[in-house]
N, C-alpha and C. Protein backbone atom coordinates (compact mmCIF):
# COMPACT_ATOMS: atom_id res chain seq x y z
N MET A 1 -10.75 -3.71 13.97
CA MET A 1 -10.09 -3.98 12.73
C MET A 1 -8.76 -4.64 13.04
N ALA A 2 -8.50 -5.71 12.34
CA ALA A 2 -7.30 -6.50 12.61
C ALA A 2 -6.13 -6.06 11.74
N LEU A 3 -4.93 -6.18 12.29
CA LEU A 3 -3.69 -5.99 11.55
C LEU A 3 -3.19 -7.39 11.23
N THR A 4 -3.09 -7.72 9.95
CA THR A 4 -2.76 -9.06 9.53
C THR A 4 -1.50 -9.06 8.67
N GLN A 5 -0.56 -9.95 8.98
CA GLN A 5 0.64 -10.07 8.15
C GLN A 5 0.33 -10.96 6.96
N LEU A 6 0.68 -10.47 5.77
CA LEU A 6 0.50 -11.26 4.56
C LEU A 6 1.72 -12.15 4.34
N SER A 7 1.49 -13.36 3.91
CA SER A 7 2.63 -14.23 3.57
C SER A 7 3.23 -13.73 2.25
N ARG A 8 4.52 -13.84 2.12
CA ARG A 8 5.21 -13.34 0.92
C ARG A 8 4.62 -13.95 -0.36
N ARG A 9 4.27 -15.20 -0.32
CA ARG A 9 3.76 -15.84 -1.54
C ARG A 9 2.40 -15.28 -1.97
N SER A 10 1.70 -14.57 -1.09
CA SER A 10 0.40 -13.99 -1.45
C SER A 10 0.50 -12.54 -1.90
N TRP A 11 1.68 -11.92 -1.81
CA TRP A 11 1.81 -10.49 -2.11
C TRP A 11 1.35 -10.14 -3.52
N HIS A 12 1.84 -10.87 -4.51
CA HIS A 12 1.52 -10.52 -5.90
C HIS A 12 0.01 -10.55 -6.14
N ALA A 13 -0.64 -11.62 -5.74
CA ALA A 13 -2.09 -11.73 -5.94
C ALA A 13 -2.85 -10.68 -5.13
N TYR A 14 -2.41 -10.42 -3.91
CA TYR A 14 -3.09 -9.42 -3.08
C TYR A 14 -2.98 -8.03 -3.70
N PHE A 15 -1.78 -7.66 -4.13
CA PHE A 15 -1.60 -6.33 -4.72
C PHE A 15 -2.27 -6.21 -6.08
N ASP A 16 -2.45 -7.32 -6.79
CA ASP A 16 -3.25 -7.30 -8.02
C ASP A 16 -4.69 -6.91 -7.69
N ARG A 17 -5.21 -7.43 -6.57
CA ARG A 17 -6.58 -7.08 -6.16
C ARG A 17 -6.67 -5.61 -5.75
N VAL A 18 -5.64 -5.12 -5.08
CA VAL A 18 -5.62 -3.69 -4.72
C VAL A 18 -5.60 -2.85 -5.99
N ALA A 19 -4.77 -3.22 -6.95
CA ALA A 19 -4.69 -2.48 -8.21
C ALA A 19 -6.03 -2.47 -8.93
N ALA A 20 -6.73 -3.60 -8.93
CA ALA A 20 -8.05 -3.66 -9.57
C ALA A 20 -9.04 -2.73 -8.87
N ALA A 21 -8.96 -2.66 -7.55
CA ALA A 21 -9.86 -1.78 -6.80
C ALA A 21 -9.53 -0.31 -7.05
N LEU A 22 -8.26 0.00 -7.28
CA LEU A 22 -7.84 1.38 -7.53
C LEU A 22 -8.14 1.83 -8.96
N ALA A 23 -8.22 0.88 -9.89
CA ALA A 23 -8.38 1.21 -11.31
C ALA A 23 -9.59 2.12 -11.53
N GLY A 24 -9.32 3.22 -12.18
CA GLY A 24 -10.38 4.14 -12.54
C GLY A 24 -10.88 5.04 -11.43
N ARG A 25 -10.46 4.79 -10.18
CA ARG A 25 -10.96 5.65 -9.11
C ARG A 25 -9.87 6.11 -8.16
N GLY A 26 -8.89 5.28 -7.93
CA GLY A 26 -7.80 5.64 -7.03
C GLY A 26 -8.28 5.76 -5.59
N ALA A 27 -7.42 6.32 -4.77
CA ALA A 27 -7.72 6.51 -3.35
C ALA A 27 -6.84 7.65 -2.86
N HIS A 28 -7.16 8.20 -1.72
CA HIS A 28 -6.34 9.26 -1.14
C HIS A 28 -5.61 8.71 0.08
N VAL A 29 -4.32 9.04 0.15
CA VAL A 29 -3.47 8.53 1.21
C VAL A 29 -2.74 9.68 1.90
N GLU A 30 -2.36 9.45 3.14
CA GLU A 30 -1.55 10.39 3.92
C GLU A 30 -0.09 10.06 3.61
N PRO A 31 0.67 10.97 3.00
CA PRO A 31 2.03 10.66 2.57
C PRO A 31 3.09 10.71 3.67
N ALA A 32 2.76 11.18 4.85
CA ALA A 32 3.76 11.36 5.90
C ALA A 32 4.50 10.07 6.23
N GLY A 33 3.82 8.95 6.24
CA GLY A 33 4.44 7.68 6.60
C GLY A 33 5.16 6.99 5.46
N LEU A 34 5.22 7.65 4.28
CA LEU A 34 5.84 7.03 3.12
C LEU A 34 7.20 7.63 2.78
N GLY A 35 7.69 8.53 3.61
CA GLY A 35 8.99 9.12 3.36
C GLY A 35 9.02 10.05 2.17
N LEU A 36 7.90 10.69 1.86
CA LEU A 36 7.84 11.62 0.74
C LEU A 36 8.28 13.01 1.17
N ASP A 37 8.48 13.87 0.23
CA ASP A 37 8.91 15.24 0.43
C ASP A 37 8.13 15.93 1.55
N GLU A 38 8.82 16.71 2.36
CA GLU A 38 8.20 17.43 3.48
C GLU A 38 7.01 18.27 3.04
N ALA A 39 7.06 18.82 1.82
CA ALA A 39 5.97 19.68 1.35
C ALA A 39 4.66 18.91 1.24
N ALA A 40 4.74 17.60 1.08
CA ALA A 40 3.53 16.79 0.93
C ALA A 40 2.90 16.45 2.27
N HIS A 41 3.64 16.58 3.35
CA HIS A 41 3.13 16.18 4.66
C HIS A 41 1.92 17.02 5.04
N GLY A 42 0.96 16.37 5.63
CA GLY A 42 -0.25 17.06 6.07
C GLY A 42 -1.30 17.17 4.98
N GLN A 43 -0.98 16.73 3.79
CA GLN A 43 -1.94 16.77 2.68
C GLN A 43 -2.27 15.34 2.27
N TRP A 44 -3.47 15.14 1.80
CA TRP A 44 -3.83 13.84 1.24
C TRP A 44 -3.39 13.82 -0.21
N MET A 45 -2.79 12.72 -0.65
CA MET A 45 -2.36 12.58 -2.03
C MET A 45 -3.16 11.48 -2.70
N HIS A 46 -3.37 11.63 -4.00
CA HIS A 46 -4.13 10.65 -4.78
C HIS A 46 -3.24 9.47 -5.13
N LEU A 47 -3.60 8.28 -4.66
CA LEU A 47 -2.89 7.04 -4.98
C LEU A 47 -3.47 6.49 -6.27
N VAL A 48 -2.65 6.41 -7.29
CA VAL A 48 -3.09 5.95 -8.60
C VAL A 48 -2.95 4.45 -8.74
N SER A 49 -1.80 3.90 -8.29
CA SER A 49 -1.60 2.46 -8.40
C SER A 49 -0.64 1.97 -7.33
N LEU A 50 -0.70 0.68 -7.11
CA LEU A 50 0.12 0.00 -6.13
C LEU A 50 0.40 -1.38 -6.70
N SER A 51 1.68 -1.77 -6.78
CA SER A 51 2.00 -3.08 -7.34
C SER A 51 3.25 -3.64 -6.70
N TYR A 52 3.37 -4.96 -6.76
CA TYR A 52 4.55 -5.66 -6.25
C TYR A 52 5.22 -6.37 -7.42
N ASP A 53 6.50 -6.13 -7.62
CA ASP A 53 7.29 -6.78 -8.65
C ASP A 53 8.20 -7.80 -7.95
N ALA A 54 7.87 -9.08 -8.10
CA ALA A 54 8.62 -10.13 -7.41
C ALA A 54 10.05 -10.25 -7.95
N GLU A 55 10.25 -10.03 -9.24
CA GLU A 55 11.59 -10.12 -9.82
C GLU A 55 12.53 -9.08 -9.23
N ARG A 56 12.05 -7.87 -9.12
CA ARG A 56 12.85 -6.78 -8.55
C ARG A 56 12.73 -6.69 -7.04
N ASP A 57 11.78 -7.42 -6.49
CA ASP A 57 11.48 -7.41 -5.06
C ASP A 57 11.27 -5.97 -4.57
N GLU A 58 10.25 -5.31 -5.20
CA GLU A 58 9.93 -3.96 -4.78
C GLU A 58 8.44 -3.71 -4.88
N LEU A 59 7.98 -2.90 -3.96
CA LEU A 59 6.60 -2.45 -3.92
C LEU A 59 6.59 -1.04 -4.48
N ALA A 60 5.79 -0.80 -5.52
CA ALA A 60 5.75 0.51 -6.18
C ALA A 60 4.40 1.17 -5.90
N LEU A 61 4.47 2.39 -5.39
CA LEU A 61 3.28 3.20 -5.16
C LEU A 61 3.36 4.40 -6.09
N THR A 62 2.36 4.56 -6.94
CA THR A 62 2.31 5.71 -7.83
C THR A 62 1.24 6.64 -7.31
N LEU A 63 1.69 7.84 -6.94
CA LEU A 63 0.80 8.86 -6.44
C LEU A 63 0.78 10.00 -7.45
N GLU A 64 -0.25 10.82 -7.40
CA GLU A 64 -0.30 11.96 -8.29
C GLU A 64 0.90 12.86 -8.00
N GLY A 65 1.81 12.95 -8.95
CA GLY A 65 2.98 13.80 -8.79
C GLY A 65 4.16 13.15 -8.08
N ALA A 66 4.08 11.89 -7.73
CA ALA A 66 5.18 11.24 -7.02
C ALA A 66 5.13 9.73 -7.23
N ARG A 67 6.28 9.11 -7.09
CA ARG A 67 6.36 7.64 -7.14
C ARG A 67 7.25 7.23 -5.99
N ARG A 68 6.84 6.21 -5.28
CA ARG A 68 7.59 5.73 -4.12
C ARG A 68 7.85 4.25 -4.32
N LEU A 69 9.13 3.86 -4.27
CA LEU A 69 9.52 2.45 -4.34
C LEU A 69 9.99 2.01 -2.97
N ILE A 70 9.47 0.90 -2.53
CA ILE A 70 9.94 0.28 -1.29
C ILE A 70 10.65 -1.00 -1.73
N ARG A 71 11.97 -0.94 -1.67
CA ARG A 71 12.78 -2.05 -2.17
C ARG A 71 12.98 -3.10 -1.08
N HIS A 72 12.94 -4.34 -1.50
CA HIS A 72 13.19 -5.49 -0.64
C HIS A 72 12.33 -5.48 0.64
N PRO A 73 11.01 -5.40 0.47
CA PRO A 73 10.17 -5.45 1.67
C PRO A 73 10.32 -6.80 2.37
N ARG A 74 10.38 -6.75 3.69
CA ARG A 74 10.49 -7.99 4.47
C ARG A 74 9.13 -8.46 4.95
N GLU A 75 8.28 -7.51 5.32
CA GLU A 75 6.95 -7.85 5.85
C GLU A 75 5.93 -6.86 5.33
N VAL A 76 4.72 -7.36 5.10
CA VAL A 76 3.59 -6.51 4.74
C VAL A 76 2.45 -6.86 5.70
N HIS A 77 1.96 -5.85 6.39
CA HIS A 77 0.82 -6.00 7.29
C HIS A 77 -0.30 -5.12 6.77
N VAL A 78 -1.52 -5.64 6.74
CA VAL A 78 -2.65 -4.86 6.25
C VAL A 78 -3.66 -4.63 7.37
N HIS A 79 -4.24 -3.44 7.36
CA HIS A 79 -5.37 -3.11 8.24
C HIS A 79 -6.61 -3.33 7.39
N GLN A 80 -7.28 -4.44 7.64
CA GLN A 80 -8.42 -4.79 6.80
C GLN A 80 -9.56 -5.28 7.68
N ASP A 81 -10.75 -4.85 7.31
CA ASP A 81 -11.98 -5.26 7.98
C ASP A 81 -12.87 -5.91 6.93
N GLY A 82 -12.90 -7.24 6.90
CA GLY A 82 -13.63 -7.93 5.83
C GLY A 82 -12.98 -7.62 4.50
N ASP A 83 -13.77 -7.10 3.56
CA ASP A 83 -13.27 -6.74 2.23
C ASP A 83 -12.73 -5.30 2.17
N TRP A 84 -12.71 -4.58 3.28
CA TRP A 84 -12.35 -3.16 3.28
C TRP A 84 -10.93 -2.94 3.80
N LEU A 85 -10.07 -2.41 2.91
CA LEU A 85 -8.69 -2.09 3.27
C LEU A 85 -8.64 -0.67 3.82
N HIS A 86 -8.08 -0.52 5.02
CA HIS A 86 -7.95 0.78 5.67
C HIS A 86 -6.53 1.33 5.58
N GLY A 87 -5.55 0.44 5.44
CA GLY A 87 -4.16 0.87 5.35
C GLY A 87 -3.24 -0.32 5.43
N MET A 88 -1.94 -0.02 5.40
CA MET A 88 -0.96 -1.09 5.51
C MET A 88 0.35 -0.55 6.05
N GLU A 89 1.14 -1.47 6.56
CA GLU A 89 2.49 -1.17 7.04
C GLU A 89 3.44 -2.10 6.33
N VAL A 90 4.54 -1.54 5.85
CA VAL A 90 5.55 -2.34 5.15
C VAL A 90 6.88 -2.14 5.86
N LEU A 91 7.52 -3.23 6.19
CA LEU A 91 8.86 -3.20 6.80
C LEU A 91 9.86 -3.54 5.70
N ASP A 92 10.81 -2.62 5.46
CA ASP A 92 11.78 -2.89 4.40
C ASP A 92 13.02 -3.60 4.94
N ALA A 93 13.95 -3.93 4.05
CA ALA A 93 15.13 -4.70 4.42
C ALA A 93 16.02 -3.97 5.42
N GLY A 94 15.96 -2.64 5.43
CA GLY A 94 16.75 -1.86 6.37
C GLY A 94 16.09 -1.66 7.72
N GLY A 95 14.90 -2.24 7.90
CA GLY A 95 14.20 -2.13 9.17
C GLY A 95 13.30 -0.90 9.28
N GLU A 96 13.19 -0.12 8.19
CA GLU A 96 12.34 1.07 8.21
C GLU A 96 10.89 0.68 7.93
N ARG A 97 9.97 1.28 8.68
CA ARG A 97 8.54 1.03 8.49
C ARG A 97 7.94 2.13 7.62
N HIS A 98 7.12 1.70 6.67
CA HIS A 98 6.41 2.62 5.77
C HIS A 98 4.92 2.40 6.02
N PHE A 99 4.20 3.49 6.24
CA PHE A 99 2.78 3.41 6.58
C PHE A 99 1.94 4.01 5.45
N LEU A 100 0.95 3.27 5.02
CA LEU A 100 0.00 3.75 4.02
C LEU A 100 -1.35 3.84 4.72
N VAL A 101 -1.85 5.06 4.87
CA VAL A 101 -3.13 5.29 5.53
C VAL A 101 -4.11 5.81 4.49
N LEU A 102 -5.22 5.13 4.30
CA LEU A 102 -6.24 5.55 3.34
C LEU A 102 -7.23 6.48 4.02
N ARG A 103 -7.61 7.56 3.32
CA ARG A 103 -8.60 8.49 3.87
C ARG A 103 -9.96 7.80 4.00
N SER A 104 -10.31 7.01 3.00
CA SER A 104 -11.55 6.22 3.02
C SER A 104 -11.18 4.77 2.72
N PRO A 105 -11.82 3.82 3.36
CA PRO A 105 -11.51 2.41 3.08
C PRO A 105 -11.73 2.06 1.61
N LEU A 106 -10.93 1.15 1.11
CA LEU A 106 -11.00 0.70 -0.27
C LEU A 106 -11.55 -0.73 -0.28
N GLN A 107 -12.63 -0.95 -1.04
CA GLN A 107 -13.23 -2.29 -1.07
C GLN A 107 -12.45 -3.18 -2.03
N LEU A 108 -11.99 -4.31 -1.49
CA LEU A 108 -11.23 -5.29 -2.25
C LEU A 108 -12.05 -6.55 -2.39
N LEU A 109 -12.75 -6.67 -3.47
CA LEU A 109 -13.59 -7.84 -3.68
C LEU A 109 -12.74 -9.10 -3.82
N GLY A 110 -13.07 -10.10 -3.05
CA GLY A 110 -12.37 -11.37 -3.11
C GLY A 110 -10.99 -11.37 -2.47
N ALA A 111 -10.66 -10.34 -1.72
CA ALA A 111 -9.31 -10.23 -1.13
C ALA A 111 -9.33 -10.61 0.34
N THR A 112 -9.50 -11.87 0.60
CA THR A 112 -9.49 -12.32 1.99
C THR A 112 -8.05 -12.47 2.45
N VAL A 113 -7.81 -12.16 3.72
CA VAL A 113 -6.46 -12.31 4.28
C VAL A 113 -6.51 -13.28 5.41
């Protein structure tokens, strides 16, 4: 499985595809790499939505019971095998890495990288 850097101009369209794949079913993620509360570590959390707002330059992750904003992301790398998303890494403006690990791959129809 390849780790691929997404170009900034493709972020909005790519995350729209992720949101479409999550709609109505969601996914489970490991919150440890997202800087969430210590109590959440070691548990899988339900990811409800994921979106990129170009105006605010922030990536928003909505999880069951939590919301995580990654402001001013500099780089987005995805772990994807064909149409199947396994996870992603986001580097923010402060140099901090945020890791999103999916318990099961999420099929992204038409989301080539």
